[in-house]
Each structure stands twice: as structure tokens, then as C-alpha cells.
Amino acid sequence: MGLKCGIVGLTNSGKTTMFNCISNTKAAVTEFAYSTNKSNIGVCAVPDERLANINTFIQADKLVYANLDVVDIPGLAKGASQGEGIGNSFLADVRLCDALIHVLRCFDNPALPHVEGSVNPVRDIEIVDFELQCKDLEQIDRKIAKVEKAAKIGDKTAKHDYEVLKKYKEHLEKFQNVRTLEVTDDERAVVSDMMLLTEKPMLFVCNVNDEDAVNGNAYSESVKKYVEENGGEMLVIAAKIESEIAELESEEDRKVFLEDVGLTEPGVNKVIRAAYKMLDLISFFTVGGKENRAWTIKRGMLAPQAASVIHSDLERGFIRAEVIKYDDLVKLGSELKCKEAGKLAVEGKNYEVQDGDILHIRFNV
């Protein structure tokens, strides 16, 4: 699908540790502020127990999970919109992402001083938001100038666009993010080419000490209160524990480790699933033969579009999709029993693929 989820935050918040837990690419972790000036790019498998369950009914040689691109963006500094720290290169990388995971430092460590002098995750949220808002305002102002010129030479849409841009500008000037502005689809179309930074969905991840992994702490509670008042989603994880879990190769060892620290699953699994949901993605499955596989599509895609994710020829020569619902397979136990019970549906080009569908694509090229 080519969709990217960016991991952002102030320097020394633990976001590169988080990236290493999630991604198949490992980046260097240091205790020095601004120790890197380029983003790390990786791919993560999306945890989905349904695929393993399907394999108990329909065996295949291997399981292939859906993937999500992740980008570890270098630590932000106050004043980035004016060029501080790595400045505009940070903001350019944010612009290329479709959703953001904001890792917040919610732990004390005298050996690792906070770049702002004290631990205060709500203040850190406001710092990052402010820098992104400033950059969005800069873009809006530039477009307003262009629209005003167009209006002078008689462009009929210029007046409408000016009013829409003014609405966005006033919202940003109140230190509000674009994602909280109520707009129509028509109004959103005016700024759709700008990839505004504060329009992107945001997940807050509170990085806590090991002992706070299960219940969080006062810092994460302050973020929870902020989210309740301002909207958004949040999760609590201990990045250090997650990195130790990620290093264990045996599934049994991971299970024992999780039980010892009071967790039911790695916290990064929740982060990946939340990012998947933020991007409005769903999974469908193809089964049998060499592999059982989960495929990523945007919610609302029709069957031929979903088929194109597998191979472009499948969309070009699409005839029909034979569909079994995941729950029906689990309940009845086999494809044959689903067919006998009338639970195998034959769908045409206008069928909207649902999360968890098991598809057999029929095509002719």
C-alpha cells in the first residue's frame, strides 16, 4: 500500500528504541541528544492472531503477515519550524508520513537529562504541536497569497478558496491542530495537496519505566487527562522491556517473560494495531498451498482493487471473488463445510471487501 507511519518525539524520549522493537531494521540508540540527522525506515509485521487460527483449518507451508512501513524521525527540538535542531529536514520527513506515533518520555532517569530540563509529557506534546502548527501556518499563508493574486485576475474559485484558507488559518492561530477542525469534503479538497502536518492522525505512546509497564504512572495519567480533554488515543508501554522481549527468539521464552512482568502481549503489538487502525486499514486473507497470507487494503476498497494488491493482472482480468467470512470458517471448520452451509458467497466487481474476508479471486487475462 505504501502507507507510512512516522515515529516522532523530542530527543531522548525512546522513539528509536520503539522503532527497533517494531521494525525489521535496527537503528543505533544513543544517550546523546540530536545524535542523528536522518530518518530510519523499516517495515513491521502487523500482529493478527486470525492468520494463525486460519492455519489450523487450512494448512499452508508458511504464514505471511500484513506489513506497515514505519519511519523513525530524528528527535525534534523547540524551534524546529525556525530551523533549530535538524529543523526543516524533520518537518519534511513528517510531511511524507500518513499518520504519526508521538513517543512521550514518562520516566525519570538522572543519567539521561530531559532536553527541556524536566519530565513533563503534556508540555512535550504542546512543543511538538506548536512546531507543526507553525509550519502549517507558513504553508497556509503562502497559499493565501497565491489565491489573492488569482482573485485579482478573475479566478472564480479564488474567493471560495480564500474563505476556506482563512478558516484554517484562524484555527491554527488559536494553537489548534487541523485534525480537530470541522470541515466539509469540499473545504478539505482546497488544502488536500498541502499534506498539512497537524491534519495527520496522532497516537500518543507513553514510554514508562519497567515497573510502570502495567499500570502506568503520574506522567502517563497526565497524558490520559490531556487526551480525554483534547481527543486522540494513547497507549502506555515500557520501551526497555519491549526491546528485551524483541531480542528473545523463542515464543515460549517471550510468553514466560511477559507473564513475569504482568503483560499479556508485547505492548508494541498494540502500537502497531493502533497505527493500522489510524490509517483506516483492514486485512483480507488468501489461503492454501504455499502460503496463508494477510493483505493490507484501505477500508472501503472494492474487490477488484483488493485483487490488484495481490497482482495487477487480477484486477485487470477480475471475474468474481469467492468470499468466506473468518468467523464462519472458525465456526464451521473448513472451506467445504462453509460451502455446504451456504457461507461461501460469490461476489462481483461492486463488492466492498470487509476486514477478515478470506478471498479466492477468479480472473481471466
Protein backbone atom coordinates (compact mmCIF):
# COMPACT_ATOMS: atom_id res chain seq x y z
CA MET A 1 0.00 0.00 0.00
CA GLY A 2 2.97 2.32 0.53
CA LEU A 3 1.48 3.99 3.61
CA LYS A 4 3.95 5.27 6.20
CA CYS A 5 3.58 5.74 9.94
CA GLY A 6 6.13 8.14 11.44
CA ILE A 7 7.51 7.89 14.97
CA VAL A 8 8.12 11.38 16.38
CA GLY A 9 9.06 12.95 19.68
CA LEU A 10 11.61 15.06 21.48
CA THR A 11 15.14 13.71 21.59
CA ASN A 12 15.84 11.01 24.24
CA SER A 13 12.16 10.06 24.51
CA GLY A 14 12.78 6.44 23.50
CA LYS A 15 11.37 6.57 19.98
CA THR A 16 14.35 4.84 18.31
CA THR A 17 14.12 2.05 20.89
CA MET A 18 10.45 1.80 19.96
CA PHE A 19 11.33 1.72 16.25
CA ASN A 20 13.78 -1.13 16.83
CA CYS A 21 11.10 -3.15 18.65
CA ILE A 22 8.61 -2.66 15.83
CA SER A 23 10.75 -2.73 12.71
CA ASN A 24 12.82 -5.27 10.80
CA THR A 25 15.51 -2.56 10.59
CA LYS A 26 17.64 -1.82 13.64
CA ALA A 27 18.92 1.71 14.30
CA ALA A 28 21.63 2.86 16.69
CA VAL A 29 20.39 4.02 20.09
CA THR A 30 22.47 6.59 21.99
CA GLU A 31 22.13 8.74 25.09
CA PHE A 32 23.20 11.86 23.23
CA ALA A 33 20.69 14.46 22.07
CA TYR A 34 20.42 15.03 18.30
CA SER A 35 22.87 12.18 17.61
CA THR A 36 21.38 11.55 14.17
CA ASN A 37 20.16 13.79 11.38
CA LYS A 38 18.41 11.29 9.15
CA SER A 39 15.32 9.11 9.46
CA ASN A 40 15.42 5.34 9.82
CA ILE A 41 13.00 3.45 7.59
CA GLY A 42 11.71 -0.05 8.24
CA VAL A 43 8.83 -2.47 7.81
CA CYS A 44 6.85 -4.12 10.59
CA ALA A 45 4.58 -7.16 10.52
CA VAL A 46 1.06 -6.43 11.75
CA PRO A 47 0.17 -8.88 14.57
CA ASP A 48 -3.00 -10.78 13.68
CA GLU A 49 -3.93 -13.95 15.53
CA ARG A 50 -6.57 -14.70 12.88
CA LEU A 51 -3.88 -15.80 10.42
CA ALA A 52 -2.51 -18.45 12.80
CA ASN A 53 -6.08 -19.57 13.54
CA ILE A 54 -6.84 -19.92 9.84
CA ASN A 55 -3.77 -22.14 9.52
CA THR A 56 -5.27 -24.65 11.95
CA PHE A 57 -8.13 -25.20 9.47
CA ILE A 58 -6.39 -24.60 6.14
CA GLN A 59 -2.73 -25.61 6.30
CA ALA A 60 -0.03 -23.87 4.29
CA ASP A 61 3.77 -24.04 4.14
CA LYS A 62 4.20 -20.59 5.69
CA LEU A 63 2.32 -17.63 7.13
CA VAL A 64 2.86 -14.14 5.72
CA TYR A 65 1.56 -11.26 7.84
CA ALA A 66 0.44 -7.85 6.56
CA ASN A 67 3.13 -5.16 6.63
CA LEU A 68 3.25 -1.49 7.58
CA ASP A 69 6.05 0.97 6.75
CA VAL A 70 7.46 2.80 9.77
CA VAL A 71 9.81 5.79 9.88
CA ASP A 72 11.87 6.79 12.91
CA ILE A 73 12.17 10.56 12.50
CA PRO A 74 15.10 12.29 14.27
CA GLY A 75 14.34 13.98 17.59
CA LEU A 76 12.58 17.31 17.41
CA ALA A 77 13.88 20.48 19.04
CA LYS A 78 11.90 23.51 20.19
CA GLY A 79 12.16 25.99 17.34
CA ALA A 80 12.38 23.33 14.61
CA SER A 81 9.97 25.33 12.45
CA GLN A 82 12.57 28.12 12.52
CA GLY A 83 15.47 25.78 11.76
CA GLU A 84 16.54 24.73 15.27
CA GLY A 85 17.97 21.23 15.75
CA ILE A 86 17.62 19.48 12.41
CA GLY A 87 14.74 21.84 11.69
CA ASN A 88 13.12 21.62 8.31
CA SER A 89 14.51 18.16 7.47
CA PHE A 90 12.49 16.82 10.43
CA LEU A 91 9.36 18.54 9.22
CA ALA A 92 9.85 17.36 5.63
CA ASP A 93 10.01 13.76 6.83
CA VAL A 94 6.85 14.25 8.90
CA ARG A 95 5.07 15.56 5.80
CA LEU A 96 5.72 12.30 3.94
CA CYS A 97 4.02 10.21 6.65
CA ASP A 98 0.33 9.32 6.69
CA ALA A 99 -0.03 9.03 10.48
CA LEU A 100 2.17 9.77 13.49
CA ILE A 101 3.12 7.98 16.69
CA HIS A 102 4.28 10.53 19.27
CA VAL A 103 6.54 8.84 21.84
CA LEU A 104 6.46 10.75 25.13
CA ARG A 105 9.05 10.47 27.86
CA CYS A 106 7.20 9.41 31.01
CA PHE A 107 10.11 8.19 33.10
CA ASP A 108 12.77 9.70 35.35
CA ASN A 109 16.45 8.98 34.77
CA PRO A 110 19.03 11.39 36.24
CA ALA A 111 21.68 9.85 33.97
CA LEU A 112 19.64 10.85 30.92
CA PRO A 113 18.63 14.52 31.33
CA HIS A 114 15.49 15.69 29.58
CA VAL A 115 16.29 18.17 26.81
CA GLU A 116 13.84 20.65 28.39
CA GLY A 117 15.29 20.19 31.89
CA SER A 118 12.37 18.27 33.42
CA VAL A 119 9.95 15.46 32.59
CA ASN A 120 6.57 16.85 31.53
CA PRO A 121 4.88 14.90 28.71
CA VAL A 122 1.97 17.32 28.26
CA ARG A 123 4.43 20.18 27.73
CA ASP A 124 6.26 17.95 25.22
CA ILE A 125 3.00 17.39 23.32
CA GLU A 126 2.49 21.15 23.17
CA ILE A 127 6.07 21.73 21.93
CA VAL A 128 5.69 19.29 19.05
CA ASP A 129 2.20 20.55 18.21
CA PHE A 130 3.41 24.16 18.17
CA GLU A 131 6.25 23.42 15.75
CA LEU A 132 3.92 21.57 13.39
CA GLN A 133 1.28 24.32 13.67
CA CYS A 134 3.85 26.97 12.77
CA LYS A 135 4.84 25.09 9.64
CA ASP A 136 1.20 24.60 8.63
CA LEU A 137 0.54 28.33 9.13
CA GLU A 138 3.51 29.13 6.94
CA GLN A 139 2.05 26.97 4.17
CA ILE A 140 -1.45 28.39 4.55
CA ASP A 141 -0.13 31.96 4.35
CA ARG A 142 1.76 31.15 1.15
CA LYS A 143 -1.35 29.67 -0.45
CA ILE A 144 -3.47 32.64 0.66
CA ALA A 145 -1.03 34.94 -1.17
CA LYS A 146 -1.40 32.86 -4.35
CA VAL A 147 -5.20 32.81 -4.07
CA GLU A 148 -5.32 36.60 -3.63
CA LYS A 149 -3.32 37.02 -6.84
CA ALA A 150 -5.67 34.64 -8.65
CA ALA A 151 -8.69 36.61 -7.41
CA LYS A 152 -7.29 39.80 -8.94
CA ILE A 153 -7.19 38.24 -12.40
CA GLY A 154 -10.76 36.95 -12.14
CA ASP A 155 -10.38 33.35 -10.93
CA LYS A 156 -13.95 32.34 -9.98
CA THR A 157 -12.92 29.80 -7.33
CA ALA A 158 -10.41 32.10 -5.63
CA LYS A 159 -12.93 33.78 -3.31
CA HIS A 160 -14.22 30.42 -2.09
CA ASP A 161 -10.67 29.09 -1.56
CA TYR A 162 -9.69 32.26 0.30
CA GLU A 163 -12.56 31.83 2.78
CA VAL A 164 -11.62 28.19 3.37
CA LEU A 165 -7.94 29.02 3.88
CA LYS A 166 -8.88 31.81 6.27
CA LYS A 167 -10.87 29.26 8.31
CA TYR A 168 -7.81 27.01 8.56
CA LYS A 169 -5.56 29.96 9.42
CA GLU A 170 -7.78 31.17 12.26
CA HIS A 171 -7.92 27.65 13.72
CA LEU A 172 -4.13 27.28 13.67
CA GLU A 173 -3.65 30.74 15.17
CA LYS A 174 -5.64 29.52 18.17
CA PHE A 175 -2.94 26.83 18.66
CA GLN A 176 -5.31 24.14 17.41
CA ASN A 177 -4.43 21.23 15.13
CA VAL A 178 -6.06 20.90 11.72
CA ARG A 179 -7.32 17.40 12.61
CA THR A 180 -9.71 19.00 15.14
CA LEU A 181 -11.21 21.45 12.64
CA GLU A 182 -14.69 20.57 11.37
CA VAL A 183 -14.70 20.95 7.59
CA THR A 184 -16.70 19.63 4.65
CA ASP A 185 -15.19 17.41 1.96
CA ASP A 186 -15.33 20.39 -0.37
CA GLU A 187 -13.34 22.54 2.08
CA ARG A 188 -10.83 19.75 2.71
CA ALA A 189 -10.21 19.49 -1.03
CA VAL A 190 -8.82 23.07 -1.02
CA VAL A 191 -5.87 22.01 1.15
CA SER A 192 -5.58 18.34 0.09
CA ASP A 193 -2.38 18.94 -1.89
CA MET A 194 -0.63 20.61 1.07
CA MET A 195 -0.22 17.48 3.26
CA LEU A 196 -0.69 19.60 6.38
CA LEU A 197 1.29 18.28 9.33
CA THR A 198 -1.33 18.74 12.05
CA GLU A 199 -4.00 17.06 9.93
CA LYS A 200 -2.32 13.66 10.30
CA PRO A 201 -3.81 11.21 12.83
CA MET A 202 -1.73 11.07 16.05
CA LEU A 203 -1.26 8.27 18.59
CA PHE A 204 0.42 9.17 21.90
CA VAL A 205 2.66 6.48 23.38
CA CYS A 206 3.79 6.98 26.97
CA ASN A 207 7.23 5.43 27.45
CA VAL A 208 7.46 4.47 31.15
CA ASN A 209 9.95 2.67 33.41
CA ASP A 210 9.80 -1.12 33.71
CA GLU A 211 7.89 -1.07 37.00
CA ASP A 212 5.14 1.12 35.47
CA ALA A 213 4.59 -1.03 32.36
CA VAL A 214 1.27 -2.47 33.56
CA ASN A 215 -0.42 0.41 35.38
CA GLY A 216 1.41 3.50 34.12
CA ASN A 217 2.40 6.38 36.42
CA ALA A 218 1.60 10.00 37.23
CA TYR A 219 3.19 11.16 33.97
CA SER A 220 1.06 8.84 31.84
CA GLU A 221 -2.03 9.83 33.85
CA SER A 222 -1.42 13.46 32.88
CA VAL A 223 -1.35 12.40 29.21
CA LYS A 224 -4.55 10.42 29.71
CA LYS A 225 -6.25 13.52 31.10
CA TYR A 226 -4.93 15.59 28.18
CA VAL A 227 -6.29 13.08 25.65
CA GLU A 228 -9.68 12.99 27.38
CA GLU A 229 -9.91 16.77 27.12
CA ASN A 230 -8.40 17.22 23.65
CA GLY A 231 -9.17 13.99 21.81
CA GLY A 232 -6.85 11.33 20.43
CA GLU A 233 -5.63 7.93 21.54
CA MET A 234 -2.87 6.86 23.92
CA LEU A 235 -1.04 3.73 25.00
CA VAL A 236 1.43 3.01 27.80
CA ILE A 237 4.50 0.88 27.15
CA ALA A 238 7.96 0.36 28.65
CA ALA A 239 10.31 0.57 25.66
CA LYS A 240 13.18 -1.03 27.58
CA ILE A 241 11.08 -4.13 28.36
CA GLU A 242 9.84 -4.20 24.78
CA SER A 243 13.41 -4.22 23.47
CA GLU A 244 14.24 -7.18 25.74
CA ILE A 245 11.15 -9.07 24.53
CA ALA A 246 12.08 -8.36 20.89
CA GLU A 247 15.52 -9.95 21.42
CA LEU A 248 14.01 -13.29 22.52
CA GLU A 249 13.76 -15.75 19.63
CA SER A 250 11.63 -18.41 21.31
CA GLU A 251 7.88 -17.79 21.52
CA GLU A 252 7.83 -19.77 24.76
CA ASP A 253 10.56 -17.56 26.25
CA ARG A 254 8.57 -14.47 25.27
CA LYS A 255 5.46 -15.87 26.92
CA VAL A 256 7.33 -16.56 30.19
CA PHE A 257 8.92 -13.08 30.12
CA LEU A 258 5.53 -11.42 29.57
CA GLU A 259 3.99 -13.36 32.47
CA ASP A 260 6.88 -12.34 34.73
CA VAL A 261 6.26 -8.63 34.08
CA GLY A 262 2.45 -8.94 34.19
CA LEU A 263 1.73 -8.40 30.48
CA THR A 264 -0.48 -10.47 28.20
CA GLU A 265 1.26 -9.45 24.97
CA PRO A 266 4.08 -7.13 23.86
CA GLY A 267 2.98 -3.50 24.05
CA VAL A 268 4.38 -2.83 20.58
CA ASN A 269 1.71 -5.17 19.16
CA LYS A 270 -0.91 -2.75 20.47
CA VAL A 271 1.01 0.18 18.97
CA ILE A 272 1.14 -1.47 15.52
CA ARG A 273 -2.53 -2.37 15.58
CA ALA A 274 -3.44 1.16 16.70
CA ALA A 275 -1.37 2.62 13.85
CA TYR A 276 -3.09 0.26 11.40
CA LYS A 277 -6.47 1.44 12.67
CA MET A 278 -5.44 5.12 12.49
CA LEU A 279 -4.60 4.70 8.81
CA ASP A 280 -8.06 3.15 8.29
CA LEU A 281 -6.53 -0.10 7.05
CA ILE A 282 -8.02 -3.58 7.13
CA SER A 283 -6.75 -7.05 6.23
CA PHE A 284 -8.13 -9.76 3.99
CA PHE A 285 -6.68 -13.25 3.60
CA THR A 286 -5.70 -15.63 0.82
CA VAL A 287 -5.22 -19.24 1.86
CA GLY A 288 -4.00 -22.68 0.85
CA GLY A 289 -0.99 -24.04 -0.99
CA LYS A 290 2.37 -22.44 -0.33
CA GLU A 291 1.20 -19.67 2.00
CA ASN A 292 -1.63 -18.29 4.07
CA ARG A 293 -1.30 -14.55 3.76
CA ALA A 294 -2.79 -11.33 5.11
CA TRP A 295 -3.05 -8.41 2.69
CA THR A 296 -3.40 -4.73 3.58
CA ILE A 297 -6.03 -2.51 1.95
CA LYS A 298 -7.80 0.75 2.74
CA ARG A 299 -11.26 0.32 4.24
CA GLY A 300 -13.91 0.70 1.54
CA MET A 301 -11.94 -0.89 -1.32
CA LEU A 302 -13.93 -2.93 -3.83
CA ALA A 303 -12.96 -6.49 -4.72
CA PRO A 304 -11.07 -5.67 -7.97
CA GLN A 305 -9.00 -3.03 -6.14
CA ALA A 306 -8.22 -5.51 -3.39
CA ALA A 307 -7.21 -8.06 -6.01
CA SER A 308 -4.75 -5.56 -7.51
CA VAL A 309 -2.84 -5.53 -4.20
CA ILE A 310 -2.02 -9.18 -4.88
CA HIS A 311 -1.18 -8.59 -8.57
CA SER A 312 -2.26 -6.03 -11.15
CA ASP A 313 -3.35 -8.83 -13.53
CA LEU A 314 -6.00 -9.90 -11.01
CA GLU A 315 -7.70 -6.53 -11.22
CA ARG A 316 -7.41 -6.34 -15.00
CA GLY A 317 -8.94 -9.78 -15.51
CA PHE A 318 -11.23 -9.84 -12.47
CA ILE A 319 -14.30 -12.05 -12.86
CA ARG A 320 -15.53 -12.65 -9.32
CA ALA A 321 -14.44 -13.15 -5.73
CA GLU A 322 -15.44 -16.18 -3.68
CA VAL A 323 -15.73 -14.95 -0.10
CA ILE A 324 -15.75 -16.78 3.23
CA LYS A 325 -16.03 -14.81 6.46
CA TYR A 326 -13.32 -15.55 9.03
CA ASP A 327 -15.88 -16.19 11.79
CA ASP A 328 -17.73 -18.68 9.59
CA LEU A 329 -14.53 -20.64 8.88
CA VAL A 330 -13.70 -20.81 12.60
CA LYS A 331 -17.24 -21.86 13.47
CA LEU A 332 -17.65 -24.49 10.72
CA GLY A 333 -14.07 -25.73 10.46
CA SER A 334 -13.37 -25.97 6.72
CA GLU A 335 -13.99 -24.31 3.35
CA LEU A 336 -16.07 -27.29 2.26
CA LYS A 337 -18.37 -27.05 5.29
CA CYS A 338 -18.74 -23.30 4.71
CA LYS A 339 -19.79 -24.01 1.12
CA GLU A 340 -22.24 -26.72 2.20
CA ALA A 341 -23.77 -24.35 4.77
CA GLY A 342 -24.20 -21.59 2.18
CA LYS A 343 -21.47 -19.46 3.77
CA LEU A 344 -19.36 -19.14 0.61
CA ALA A 345 -20.58 -16.04 -1.24
CA VAL A 346 -19.84 -15.25 -4.88
CA GLU A 347 -19.31 -11.51 -5.22
CA GLY A 348 -18.85 -9.25 -8.25
CA LYS A 349 -16.96 -6.06 -9.02
CA ASN A 350 -19.04 -3.89 -6.66
CA TYR A 351 -18.37 -5.95 -3.54
CA GLU A 352 -16.74 -3.96 -0.72
CA VAL A 353 -14.14 -6.17 0.94
CA GLN A 354 -14.58 -6.48 4.72
CA ASP A 355 -11.95 -6.91 7.41
CA GLY A 356 -11.21 -10.62 7.85
CA ASP A 357 -12.61 -11.76 4.50
CA ILE A 358 -11.00 -14.87 3.03
CA LEU A 359 -10.91 -14.38 -0.74
CA HIS A 360 -10.44 -16.63 -3.75
CA ILE A 361 -10.09 -14.35 -6.79
CA ARG A 362 -11.30 -15.74 -10.11
CA PHE A 363 -9.83 -13.96 -13.15
CA ASN A 364 -9.01 -14.33 -16.81
CA VAL A 365 -6.28 -12.40 -18.61
